[in-house]
Amino acid sequence: MSPVSVIARIPCQPGRRDELVAALADYFPQVESEDGTLVYAISTDNGDDDLVWVYELYAGDDALQAHSTSDAFQALAGTLGGLLSGPPELHFCRPVRAKGHVVEG
């Protein structure tokens, strides 16, 4: 099984970035319970106050599929819908080399 990563560019409505980040943070208990979800990192953009990035790393395609089709993910998608200014831009990648560290905070 080959790892897979997702880099998500998520545009939010002007002034609603904190709400978007809070909604993603509320989703963390689900992410933490997923064995195949190795990294789920939320970042705010330093140059755009209405943009959030999420980096995701999964053990393989099956883990990504389980994450993406969970009831909790569907509920999150419904919550995020009212906060977005457009559709998320998703990039699916195959990591070839990495050194990792997750920042708690």
PDB file of N, CA and C in Angstrom:
ATOM      1  N   MET A   1       0.853  -1.175   0.000  1.00  0.00           N
ATOM      2  CA  MET A   1       0.000   0.000   0.000  1.00  0.00           C
ATOM      3  C   MET A   1       0.900   1.241   0.000  1.00  0.00           C
ATOM      4  N   SER A   2       0.657   2.118  -0.938  1.00  0.00           N
ATOM      5  CA  SER A   2       1.439   3.336  -1.095  1.00  0.00           C
ATOM      6  C   SER A   2       0.706   4.509  -0.445  1.00  0.00           C
ATOM      7  N   PRO A   3       1.412   5.348   0.318  1.00  0.00           N
ATOM      8  CA  PRO A   3       0.752   6.501   0.938  1.00  0.00           C
ATOM      9  C   PRO A   3       0.237   7.477  -0.115  1.00  0.00           C
ATOM     10  N   VAL A   4      -0.776   8.207   0.259  1.00  0.00           N
ATOM     11  CA  VAL A   4      -1.356   9.235  -0.602  1.00  0.00           C
ATOM     12  C   VAL A   4      -1.550  10.496   0.227  1.00  0.00           C
ATOM     13  N   SER A   5      -1.301  11.640  -0.406  1.00  0.00           N
ATOM     14  CA  SER A   5      -1.514  12.907   0.297  1.00  0.00           C
ATOM     15  C   SER A   5      -2.508  13.755  -0.474  1.00  0.00           C
ATOM     16  N   VAL A   6      -3.111  14.671   0.259  1.00  0.00           N
ATOM     17  CA  VAL A   6      -4.038  15.631  -0.326  1.00  0.00           C
ATOM     18  C   VAL A   6      -3.612  17.011   0.166  1.00  0.00           C
ATOM     19  N   ILE A   7      -3.512  17.934  -0.760  1.00  0.00           N
ATOM     20  CA  ILE A   7      -3.270  19.331  -0.413  1.00  0.00           C
ATOM     21  C   ILE A   7      -4.531  20.077  -0.836  1.00  0.00           C
ATOM     22  N   ALA A   8      -5.227  20.640   0.143  1.00  0.00           N
ATOM     23  CA  ALA A   8      -6.508  21.296  -0.117  1.00  0.00           C
ATOM     24  C   ALA A   8      -6.376  22.797   0.102  1.00  0.00           C
ATOM     25  N   ARG A   9      -6.750  23.546  -0.906  1.00  0.00           N
ATOM     26  CA  ARG A   9      -6.807  25.013  -0.837  1.00  0.00           C
ATOM     27  C   ARG A   9      -8.277  25.360  -0.638  1.00  0.00           C
ATOM     28  N   ILE A  10      -8.605  25.958   0.510  1.00  0.00           N
ATOM     29  CA  ILE A  10     -10.002  26.185   0.865  1.00  0.00           C
ATOM     30  C   ILE A  10     -10.257  27.685   1.026  1.00  0.00           C
ATOM     31  N   PRO A  11     -10.954  28.285   0.053  1.00  0.00           N
ATOM     32  CA  PRO A  11     -11.265  29.718   0.146  1.00  0.00           C
ATOM     33  C   PRO A  11     -12.529  29.944   0.972  1.00  0.00           C
ATOM     34  N   CYS A  12     -12.482  30.910   1.871  1.00  0.00           N
ATOM     35  CA  CYS A  12     -13.666  31.189   2.686  1.00  0.00           C
ATOM     36  C   CYS A  12     -14.214  32.573   2.361  1.00  0.00           C
ATOM     37  N   GLN A  13     -15.434  32.777   2.795  1.00  0.00           N
ATOM     38  CA  GLN A  13     -16.052  34.087   2.621  1.00  0.00           C
ATOM     39  C   GLN A  13     -15.253  35.117   3.422  1.00  0.00           C
ATOM     40  N   PRO A  14     -15.186  36.346   2.929  1.00  0.00           N
ATOM     41  CA  PRO A  14     -14.410  37.377   3.620  1.00  0.00           C
ATOM     42  C   PRO A  14     -14.752  37.478   5.110  1.00  0.00           C
ATOM     43  N   GLY A  15     -13.705  37.445   5.925  1.00  0.00           N
ATOM     44  CA  GLY A  15     -13.869  37.606   7.365  1.00  0.00           C
ATOM     45  C   GLY A  15     -14.343  36.368   8.108  1.00  0.00           C
ATOM     46  N   ARG A  16     -14.441  35.220   7.439  1.00  0.00           N
ATOM     47  CA  ARG A  16     -14.980  34.022   8.102  1.00  0.00           C
ATOM     48  C   ARG A  16     -13.938  32.923   8.288  1.00  0.00           C
ATOM     49  N   ARG A  17     -12.667  33.287   8.130  1.00  0.00           N
ATOM     50  CA  ARG A  17     -11.617  32.271   8.246  1.00  0.00           C
ATOM     51  C   ARG A  17     -11.595  31.618   9.623  1.00  0.00           C
ATOM     52  N   ASP A  18     -11.763  32.393  10.683  1.00  0.00           N
ATOM     53  CA  ASP A  18     -11.736  31.810  12.026  1.00  0.00           C
ATOM     54  C   ASP A  18     -12.855  30.790  12.205  1.00  0.00           C
ATOM     55  N   GLU A  19     -14.018  31.055  11.624  1.00  0.00           N
ATOM     56  CA  GLU A  19     -15.124  30.098  11.696  1.00  0.00           C
ATOM     57  C   GLU A  19     -14.786  28.817  10.935  1.00  0.00           C
ATOM     58  N   LEU A  20     -14.143  28.971   9.800  1.00  0.00           N
ATOM     59  CA  LEU A  20     -13.738  27.807   9.010  1.00  0.00           C
ATOM     60  C   LEU A  20     -12.725  26.969   9.778  1.00  0.00           C
ATOM     61  N   VAL A  21     -11.735  27.625  10.357  1.00  0.00           N
ATOM     62  CA  VAL A  21     -10.723  26.917  11.140  1.00  0.00           C
ATOM     63  C   VAL A  21     -11.371  26.220  12.335  1.00  0.00           C
ATOM     64  N   ALA A  22     -12.321  26.874  12.992  1.00  0.00           N
ATOM     65  CA  ALA A  22     -13.018  26.269  14.138  1.00  0.00           C
ATOM     66  C   ALA A  22     -13.805  25.034  13.713  1.00  0.00           C
ATOM     67  N   ALA A  23     -14.460  25.096  12.561  1.00  0.00           N
ATOM     68  CA  ALA A  23     -15.219  23.941  12.075  1.00  0.00           C
ATOM     69  C   ALA A  23     -14.289  22.769  11.777  1.00  0.00           C
ATOM     70  N   LEU A  24     -13.142  23.055  11.185  1.00  0.00           N
ATOM     71  CA  LEU A  24     -12.164  21.995  10.924  1.00  0.00           C
ATOM     72  C   LEU A  24     -11.603  21.437  12.230  1.00  0.00           C
ATOM     73  N   ALA A  25     -11.383  22.300  13.220  1.00  0.00           N
ATOM     74  CA  ALA A  25     -10.881  21.845  14.519  1.00  0.00           C
ATOM     75  C   ALA A  25     -11.903  20.954  15.221  1.00  0.00           C
ATOM     76  N   ASP A  26     -13.192  21.276  15.076  1.00  0.00           N
ATOM     77  CA  ASP A  26     -14.242  20.446  15.673  1.00  0.00           C
ATOM     78  C   ASP A  26     -14.267  19.051  15.062  1.00  0.00           C
ATOM     79  N   TYR A  27     -13.743  18.925  13.850  1.00  0.00           N
ATOM     80  CA  TYR A  27     -13.714  17.659  13.132  1.00  0.00           C
ATOM     81  C   TYR A  27     -12.548  16.764  13.583  1.00  0.00           C
ATOM     82  N   PHE A  28     -11.607  17.333  14.317  1.00  0.00           N
ATOM     83  CA  PHE A  28     -10.408  16.600  14.701  1.00  0.00           C
ATOM     84  C   PHE A  28     -10.654  15.302  15.460  1.00  0.00           C
ATOM     85  N   PRO A  29     -11.629  15.199  16.370  1.00  0.00           N
ATOM     86  CA  PRO A  29     -11.846  13.901  17.031  1.00  0.00           C
ATOM     87  C   PRO A  29     -12.096  12.771  16.026  1.00  0.00           C
ATOM     88  N   GLN A  30     -12.804  13.057  14.954  1.00  0.00           N
ATOM     89  CA  GLN A  30     -13.015  12.053  13.918  1.00  0.00           C
ATOM     90  C   GLN A  30     -11.694  11.672  13.261  1.00  0.00           C
ATOM     91  N   VAL A  31     -10.926  12.677  12.870  1.00  0.00           N
ATOM     92  CA  VAL A  31      -9.647  12.438  12.195  1.00  0.00           C
ATOM     93  C   VAL A  31      -8.716  11.633  13.099  1.00  0.00           C
ATOM     94  N   GLU A  32      -8.676  11.978  14.375  1.00  0.00           N
ATOM     95  CA  GLU A  32      -7.799  11.289  15.313  1.00  0.00           C
ATOM     96  C   GLU A  32      -8.196   9.825  15.506  1.00  0.00           C
ATOM     97  N   SER A  33      -9.448   9.488  15.231  1.00  0.00           N
ATOM     98  CA  SER A  33      -9.902   8.104  15.389  1.00  0.00           C
ATOM     99  C   SER A  33      -9.656   7.257  14.140  1.00  0.00           C
ATOM    100  N   GLU A  34      -9.215   7.858  13.057  1.00  0.00           N
ATOM    101  CA  GLU A  34      -8.995   7.144  11.800  1.00  0.00           C
ATOM    102  C   GLU A  34      -7.559   6.599  11.758  1.00  0.00           C
ATOM    103  N   ASP A  35      -7.421   5.290  11.845  1.00  0.00           N
ATOM    104  CA  ASP A  35      -6.090   4.679  11.870  1.00  0.00           C
ATOM    105  C   ASP A  35      -5.262   5.024  10.632  1.00  0.00           C
ATOM    106  N   GLY A  36      -5.894   5.113   9.484  1.00  0.00           N
ATOM    107  CA  GLY A  36      -5.162   5.354   8.251  1.00  0.00           C
ATOM    108  C   GLY A  36      -4.863   6.807   7.954  1.00  0.00           C
ATOM    109  N   THR A  37      -5.397   7.716   8.771  1.00  0.00           N
ATOM    110  CA  THR A  37      -5.088   9.136   8.602  1.00  0.00           C
ATOM    111  C   THR A  37      -3.843   9.423   9.423  1.00  0.00           C
ATOM    112  N   LEU A  38      -2.739   9.677   8.737  1.00  0.00           N
ATOM    113  CA  LEU A  38      -1.454   9.839   9.401  1.00  0.00           C
ATOM    114  C   LEU A  38      -1.166  11.291   9.775  1.00  0.00           C
ATOM    115  N   VAL A  39      -1.555  12.224   8.917  1.00  0.00           N
ATOM    116  CA  VAL A  39      -1.369  13.653   9.167  1.00  0.00           C
ATOM    117  C   VAL A  39      -2.603  14.386   8.667  1.00  0.00           C
ATOM    118  N   TYR A  40      -3.067  15.328   9.452  1.00  0.00           N
ATOM    119  CA  TYR A  40      -4.160  16.215   9.056  1.00  0.00           C
ATOM    120  C   TYR A  40      -3.814  17.572   9.638  1.00  0.00           C
ATOM    121  N   ALA A  41      -3.199  18.426   8.813  1.00  0.00           N
ATOM    122  CA  ALA A  41      -2.658  19.693   9.298  1.00  0.00           C
ATOM    123  C   ALA A  41      -3.393  20.864   8.656  1.00  0.00           C
ATOM    124  N   ILE A  42      -3.938  21.733   9.495  1.00  0.00           N
ATOM    125  CA  ILE A  42      -4.661  22.926   9.038  1.00  0.00           C
ATOM    126  C   ILE A  42      -3.713  24.117   9.160  1.00  0.00           C
ATOM    127  N   SER A  43      -3.626  24.904   8.085  1.00  0.00           N
ATOM    128  CA  SER A  43      -2.773  26.095   8.095  1.00  0.00           C
ATOM    129  C   SER A  43      -3.547  27.279   7.534  1.00  0.00           C
ATOM    130  N   THR A  44      -3.293  28.448   8.103  1.00  0.00           N
ATOM    131  CA  THR A  44      -3.838  29.676   7.530  1.00  0.00           C
ATOM    132  C   THR A  44      -2.780  30.272   6.611  1.00  0.00           C
ATOM    133  N   ASP A  45      -3.237  30.966   5.589  1.00  0.00           N
ATOM    134  CA  ASP A  45      -2.352  31.554   4.594  1.00  0.00           C
ATOM    135  C   ASP A  45      -1.828  32.901   5.097  1.00  0.00           C
ATOM    136  N   ASN A  46      -0.526  33.098   5.089  1.00  0.00           N
ATOM    137  CA  ASN A  46       0.066  34.353   5.569  1.00  0.00           C
ATOM    138  C   ASN A  46      -0.258  35.541   4.676  1.00  0.00           C
ATOM    139  N   GLY A  47      -0.565  35.292   3.413  1.00  0.00           N
ATOM    140  CA  GLY A  47      -0.793  36.388   2.487  1.00  0.00           C
ATOM    141  C   GLY A  47      -2.241  36.620   2.113  1.00  0.00           C
ATOM    142  N   ASP A  48      -3.137  35.780   2.595  1.00  0.00           N
ATOM    143  CA  ASP A  48      -4.554  35.885   2.231  1.00  0.00           C
ATOM    144  C   ASP A  48      -5.399  35.528   3.447  1.00  0.00           C
ATOM    145  N   ASP A  49      -6.070  36.497   4.018  1.00  0.00           N
ATOM    146  CA  ASP A  49      -6.858  36.289   5.235  1.00  0.00           C
ATOM    147  C   ASP A  49      -8.105  35.443   5.010  1.00  0.00           C
ATOM    148  N   ASP A  50      -8.411  35.126   3.775  1.00  0.00           N
ATOM    149  CA  ASP A  50      -9.610  34.347   3.465  1.00  0.00           C
ATOM    150  C   ASP A  50      -9.266  33.013   2.820  1.00  0.00           C
ATOM    151  N   LEU A  51      -8.121  32.452   3.212  1.00  0.00           N
ATOM    152  CA  LEU A  51      -7.662  31.199   2.629  1.00  0.00           C
ATOM    153  C   LEU A  51      -7.092  30.288   3.702  1.00  0.00           C
ATOM    154  N   VAL A  52      -7.509  29.025   3.645  1.00  0.00           N
ATOM    155  CA  VAL A  52      -7.016  27.992   4.560  1.00  0.00           C
ATOM    156  C   VAL A  52      -6.473  26.851   3.709  1.00  0.00           C
ATOM    157  N   TRP A  53      -5.403  26.250   4.171  1.00  0.00           N
ATOM    158  CA  TRP A  53      -4.808  25.086   3.519  1.00  0.00           C
ATOM    159  C   TRP A  53      -4.912  23.898   4.471  1.00  0.00           C
ATOM    160  N   VAL A  54      -5.174  22.725   3.935  1.00  0.00           N
ATOM    161  CA  VAL A  54      -5.150  21.501   4.739  1.00  0.00           C
ATOM    162  C   VAL A  54      -4.243  20.513   4.020  1.00  0.00           C
ATOM    163  N   TYR A  55      -3.267  20.000   4.759  1.00  0.00           N
ATOM    164  CA  TYR A  55      -2.400  18.945   4.246  1.00  0.00           C
ATOM    165  C   TYR A  55      -2.813  17.654   4.930  1.00  0.00           C
ATOM    166  N   GLU A  56      -3.074  16.636   4.123  1.00  0.00           N
ATOM    167  CA  GLU A  56      -3.525  15.352   4.635  1.00  0.00           C
ATOM    168  C   GLU A  56      -2.607  14.254   4.114  1.00  0.00           C
ATOM    169  N   LEU A  57      -2.285  13.306   4.964  1.00  0.00           N
ATOM    170  CA  LEU A  57      -1.477  12.159   4.571  1.00  0.00           C
ATOM    171  C   LEU A  57      -2.179  10.896   5.051  1.00  0.00           C
ATOM    172  N   TYR A  58      -2.385   9.990   4.123  1.00  0.00           N
ATOM    173  CA  TYR A  58      -3.090   8.738   4.410  1.00  0.00           C
ATOM    174  C   TYR A  58      -2.183   7.553   4.122  1.00  0.00           C
ATOM    175  N   ALA A  59      -2.421   6.459   4.836  1.00  0.00           N
ATOM    176  CA  ALA A  59      -1.621   5.243   4.661  1.00  0.00           C
ATOM    177  C   ALA A  59      -1.773   4.677   3.249  1.00  0.00           C
ATOM    178  N   GLY A  60      -2.891   4.941   2.613  1.00  0.00           N
ATOM    179  CA  GLY A  60      -3.125   4.450   1.261  1.00  0.00           C
ATOM    180  C   GLY A  60      -4.485   4.888   0.760  1.00  0.00           C
ATOM    181  N   ASP A  61      -4.810   4.447  -0.440  1.00  0.00           N
ATOM    182  CA  ASP A  61      -6.076   4.836  -1.061  1.00  0.00           C
ATOM    183  C   ASP A  61      -7.290   4.400  -0.239  1.00  0.00           C
ATOM    184  N   ASP A  62      -7.216   3.219   0.375  1.00  0.00           N
ATOM    185  CA  ASP A  62      -8.341   2.742   1.187  1.00  0.00           C
ATOM    186  C   ASP A  62      -8.602   3.669   2.372  1.00  0.00           C
ATOM    187  N   ALA A  63      -7.535   4.156   2.989  1.00  0.00           N
ATOM    188  CA  ALA A  63      -7.682   5.065   4.130  1.00  0.00           C
ATOM    189  C   ALA A  63      -8.281   6.396   3.685  1.00  0.00           C
ATOM    190  N   LEU A  64      -7.846   6.894   2.532  1.00  0.00           N
ATOM    191  CA  LEU A  64      -8.421   8.132   1.997  1.00  0.00           C
ATOM    192  C   LEU A  64      -9.903   7.931   1.692  1.00  0.00           C
ATOM    193  N   GLN A  65     -10.236   6.800   1.109  1.00  0.00           N
ATOM    194  CA  GLN A  65     -11.635   6.505   0.786  1.00  0.00           C
ATOM    195  C   GLN A  65     -12.487   6.430   2.056  1.00  0.00           C
ATOM    196  N   ALA A  66     -11.971   5.768   3.089  1.00  0.00           N
ATOM    197  CA  ALA A  66     -12.708   5.658   4.353  1.00  0.00           C
ATOM    198  C   ALA A  66     -12.930   7.045   4.959  1.00  0.00           C
ATOM    199  N   HIS A  67     -11.913   7.881   4.914  1.00  0.00           N
ATOM    200  CA  HIS A  67     -12.023   9.241   5.443  1.00  0.00           C
ATOM    201  C   HIS A  67     -13.080  10.036   4.668  1.00  0.00           C
ATOM    202  N   SER A  68     -12.989   9.981   3.358  1.00  0.00           N
ATOM    203  CA  SER A  68     -13.832  10.818   2.488  1.00  0.00           C
ATOM    204  C   SER A  68     -15.297  10.407   2.458  1.00  0.00           C
ATOM    205  N   THR A  69     -15.581   9.179   2.820  1.00  0.00           N
ATOM    206  CA  THR A  69     -16.958   8.695   2.752  1.00  0.00           C
ATOM    207  C   THR A  69     -17.606   8.538   4.127  1.00  0.00           C
ATOM    208  N   SER A  70     -16.908   8.956   5.180  1.00  0.00           N
ATOM    209  CA  SER A  70     -17.463   8.812   6.527  1.00  0.00           C
ATOM    210  C   SER A  70     -18.646   9.764   6.735  1.00  0.00           C
ATOM    211  N   ASP A  71     -19.533   9.376   7.620  1.00  0.00           N
ATOM    212  CA  ASP A  71     -20.666  10.244   7.965  1.00  0.00           C
ATOM    213  C   ASP A  71     -20.184  11.572   8.538  1.00  0.00           C
ATOM    214  N   ALA A  72     -19.111  11.524   9.320  1.00  0.00           N
ATOM    215  CA  ALA A  72     -18.568  12.752   9.923  1.00  0.00           C
ATOM    216  C   ALA A  72     -18.053  13.702   8.843  1.00  0.00           C
ATOM    217  N   PHE A  73     -17.425  13.163   7.800  1.00  0.00           N
ATOM    218  CA  PHE A  73     -16.933  14.014   6.716  1.00  0.00           C
ATOM    219  C   PHE A  73     -18.099  14.650   5.966  1.00  0.00           C
ATOM    220  N   GLN A  74     -19.152  13.894   5.749  1.00  0.00           N
ATOM    221  CA  GLN A  74     -20.330  14.441   5.071  1.00  0.00           C
ATOM    222  C   GLN A  74     -20.950  15.567   5.905  1.00  0.00           C
ATOM    223  N   ALA A  75     -20.995  15.392   7.215  1.00  0.00           N
ATOM    224  CA  ALA A  75     -21.519  16.444   8.096  1.00  0.00           C
ATOM    225  C   ALA A  75     -20.614  17.680   8.041  1.00  0.00           C
ATOM    226  N   LEU A  76     -19.298  17.472   8.026  1.00  0.00           N
ATOM    227  CA  LEU A  76     -18.360  18.592   7.927  1.00  0.00           C
ATOM    228  C   LEU A  76     -18.583  19.348   6.619  1.00  0.00           C
ATOM    229  N   ALA A  77     -18.743  18.629   5.530  1.00  0.00           N
ATOM    230  CA  ALA A  77     -18.966  19.270   4.231  1.00  0.00           C
ATOM    231  C   ALA A  77     -20.199  20.162   4.273  1.00  0.00           C
ATOM    232  N   GLY A  78     -21.235  19.720   4.943  1.00  0.00           N
ATOM    233  CA  GLY A  78     -22.435  20.535   5.085  1.00  0.00           C
ATOM    234  C   GLY A  78     -22.179  21.800   5.893  1.00  0.00           C
ATOM    235  N   THR A  79     -21.391  21.668   6.944  1.00  0.00           N
ATOM    236  CA  THR A  79     -21.055  22.822   7.784  1.00  0.00           C
ATOM    237  C   THR A  79     -20.192  23.827   7.020  1.00  0.00           C
ATOM    238  N   LEU A  80     -19.229  23.329   6.274  1.00  0.00           N
ATOM    239  CA  LEU A  80     -18.310  24.210   5.556  1.00  0.00           C
ATOM    240  C   LEU A  80     -18.986  24.944   4.407  1.00  0.00           C
ATOM    241  N   GLY A  81     -20.015  24.344   3.839  1.00  0.00           N
ATOM    242  CA  GLY A  81     -20.667  24.930   2.674  1.00  0.00           C
ATOM    243  C   GLY A  81     -21.049  26.383   2.848  1.00  0.00           C
ATOM    244  N   GLY A  82     -21.540  26.765   3.998  1.00  0.00           N
ATOM    245  CA  GLY A  82     -21.951  28.137   4.239  1.00  0.00           C
ATOM    246  C   GLY A  82     -20.806  29.095   4.516  1.00  0.00           C
ATOM    247  N   LEU A  83     -19.598  28.560   4.661  1.00  0.00           N
ATOM    248  CA  LEU A  83     -18.438  29.392   4.977  1.00  0.00           C
ATOM    249  C   LEU A  83     -17.539  29.654   3.772  1.00  0.00           C
ATOM    250  N   LEU A  84     -17.719  28.872   2.721  1.00  0.00           N
ATOM    251  CA  LEU A  84     -16.811  28.933   1.577  1.00  0.00           C
ATOM    252  C   LEU A  84     -17.207  29.997   0.565  1.00  0.00           C
ATOM    253  N   SER A  85     -16.207  30.553  -0.098  1.00  0.00           N
ATOM    254  CA  SER A  85     -16.468  31.508  -1.177  1.00  0.00           C
ATOM    255  C   SER A  85     -16.377  30.838  -2.540  1.00  0.00           C
ATOM    256  N   GLY A  86     -16.008  29.586  -2.548  1.00  0.00           N
ATOM    257  CA  GLY A  86     -15.897  28.807  -3.774  1.00  0.00           C
ATOM    258  C   GLY A  86     -15.536  27.384  -3.403  1.00  0.00           C
ATOM    259  N   PRO A  87     -15.475  26.500  -4.385  1.00  0.00           N
ATOM    260  CA  PRO A  87     -15.155  25.110  -4.074  1.00  0.00           C
ATOM    261  C   PRO A  87     -13.696  24.942  -3.652  1.00  0.00           C
ATOM    262  N   PRO A  88     -13.440  24.007  -2.743  1.00  0.00           N
ATOM    263  CA  PRO A  88     -12.047  23.704  -2.402  1.00  0.00           C
ATOM    264  C   PRO A  88     -11.315  23.179  -3.642  1.00  0.00           C
ATOM    265  N   GLU A  89     -10.046  23.489  -3.702  1.00  0.00           N
ATOM    266  CA  GLU A  89      -9.185  22.978  -4.773  1.00  0.00           C
ATOM    267  C   GLU A  89      -8.355  21.855  -4.166  1.00  0.00           C
ATOM    268  N   LEU A  90      -8.538  20.636  -4.663  1.00  0.00           N
ATOM    269  CA  LEU A  90      -7.870  19.473  -4.095  1.00  0.00           C
ATOM    270  C   LEU A  90      -6.796  18.959  -5.039  1.00  0.00           C
ATOM    271  N   HIS A  91      -5.623  18.703  -4.481  1.00  0.00           N
ATOM    272  CA  HIS A  91      -4.517  18.121  -5.240  1.00  0.00           C
ATOM    273  C   HIS A  91      -4.174  16.786  -4.585  1.00  0.00           C
ATOM    274  N   PHE A  92      -4.279  15.700  -5.341  1.00  0.00           N
ATOM    275  CA  PHE A  92      -3.974  14.363  -4.852  1.00  0.00           C
ATOM    276  C   PHE A  92      -2.559  14.006  -5.302  1.00  0.00           C
ATOM    277  N   CYS A  93      -1.723  13.582  -4.350  1.00  0.00           N
ATOM    278  CA  CYS A  93      -0.304  13.369  -4.621  1.00  0.00           C
ATOM    279  C   CYS A  93       0.168  12.040  -4.038  1.00  0.00           C
ATOM    280  N   ARG A  94       1.315  11.589  -4.511  1.00  0.00           N
ATOM    281  CA  ARG A  94       2.006  10.425  -3.947  1.00  0.00           C
ATOM    282  C   ARG A  94       3.313  10.911  -3.341  1.00  0.00           C
ATOM    283  N   PRO A  95       3.428  10.898  -2.024  1.00  0.00           N
ATOM    284  CA  PRO A  95       4.676  11.332  -1.399  1.00  0.00           C
ATOM    285  C   PRO A  95       5.832  10.420  -1.831  1.00  0.00           C
ATOM    286  N   VAL A  96       6.972  11.009  -2.087  1.00  0.00           N
ATOM    287  CA  VAL A  96       8.147  10.224  -2.447  1.00  0.00           C
ATOM    288  C   VAL A  96       9.242  10.310  -1.386  1.00  0.00           C
ATOM    289  N   ARG A  97       9.217  11.370  -0.592  1.00  0.00           N
ATOM    290  CA  ARG A  97      10.185  11.491   0.502  1.00  0.00           C
ATOM    291  C   ARG A  97       9.708  12.588   1.441  1.00  0.00           C
ATOM    292  N   ALA A  98       9.842  12.363   2.745  1.00  0.00           N
ATOM    293  CA  ALA A  98       9.370  13.361   3.702  1.00  0.00           C
ATOM    294  C   ALA A  98      10.051  13.170   5.051  1.00  0.00           C
ATOM    295  N   LYS A  99      10.100  14.237   5.770  1.00  0.00           N
ATOM    296  CA  LYS A  99      10.452  14.215   7.181  1.00  0.00           C
ATOM    297  C   LYS A  99       9.310  14.903   7.875  1.00  0.00           C
ATOM    298  N   GLY A 100       8.758  14.330   8.911  1.00  0.00           N
ATOM    299  CA  GLY A 100       7.543  14.893   9.471  1.00  0.00           C
ATOM    300  C   GLY A 100       7.637  15.365  10.899  1.00  0.00           C
ATOM    301  N   HIS A 101       6.850  16.369  11.151  1.00  0.00           N
ATOM    302  CA  HIS A 101       6.666  16.874  12.504  1.00  0.00           C
ATOM    303  C   HIS A 101       5.323  17.590  12.528  1.00  0.00           C
ATOM    304  N   VAL A 102       4.470  17.243  13.460  1.00  0.00           N
ATOM    305  CA  VAL A 102       3.167  17.892  13.583  1.00  0.00           C
ATOM    306  C   VAL A 102       3.229  18.885  14.731  1.00  0.00           C
ATOM    307  N   VAL A 103       2.811  20.101  14.464  1.00  0.00           N
ATOM    308  CA  VAL A 103       2.804  21.149  15.478  1.00  0.00           C
ATOM    309  C   VAL A 103       1.468  21.131  16.189  1.00  0.00           C
ATOM    310  N   GLU A 104       1.483  20.999  17.478  1.00  0.00           N
ATOM    311  CA  GLU A 104       0.259  21.049  18.277  1.00  0.00           C
ATOM    312  C   GLU A 104      -0.017  22.507  18.611  1.00  0.00           C
ATOM    313  N   GLY A 105      -1.290  22.884  18.592  1.00  0.00           N
ATOM    314  CA  GLY A 105      -1.529  24.264  18.963  1.00  0.00           C
ATOM    315  C   GLY A 105      -2.828  24.752  18.656  1.00  0.00           C
TER     316      GLY A 105
END
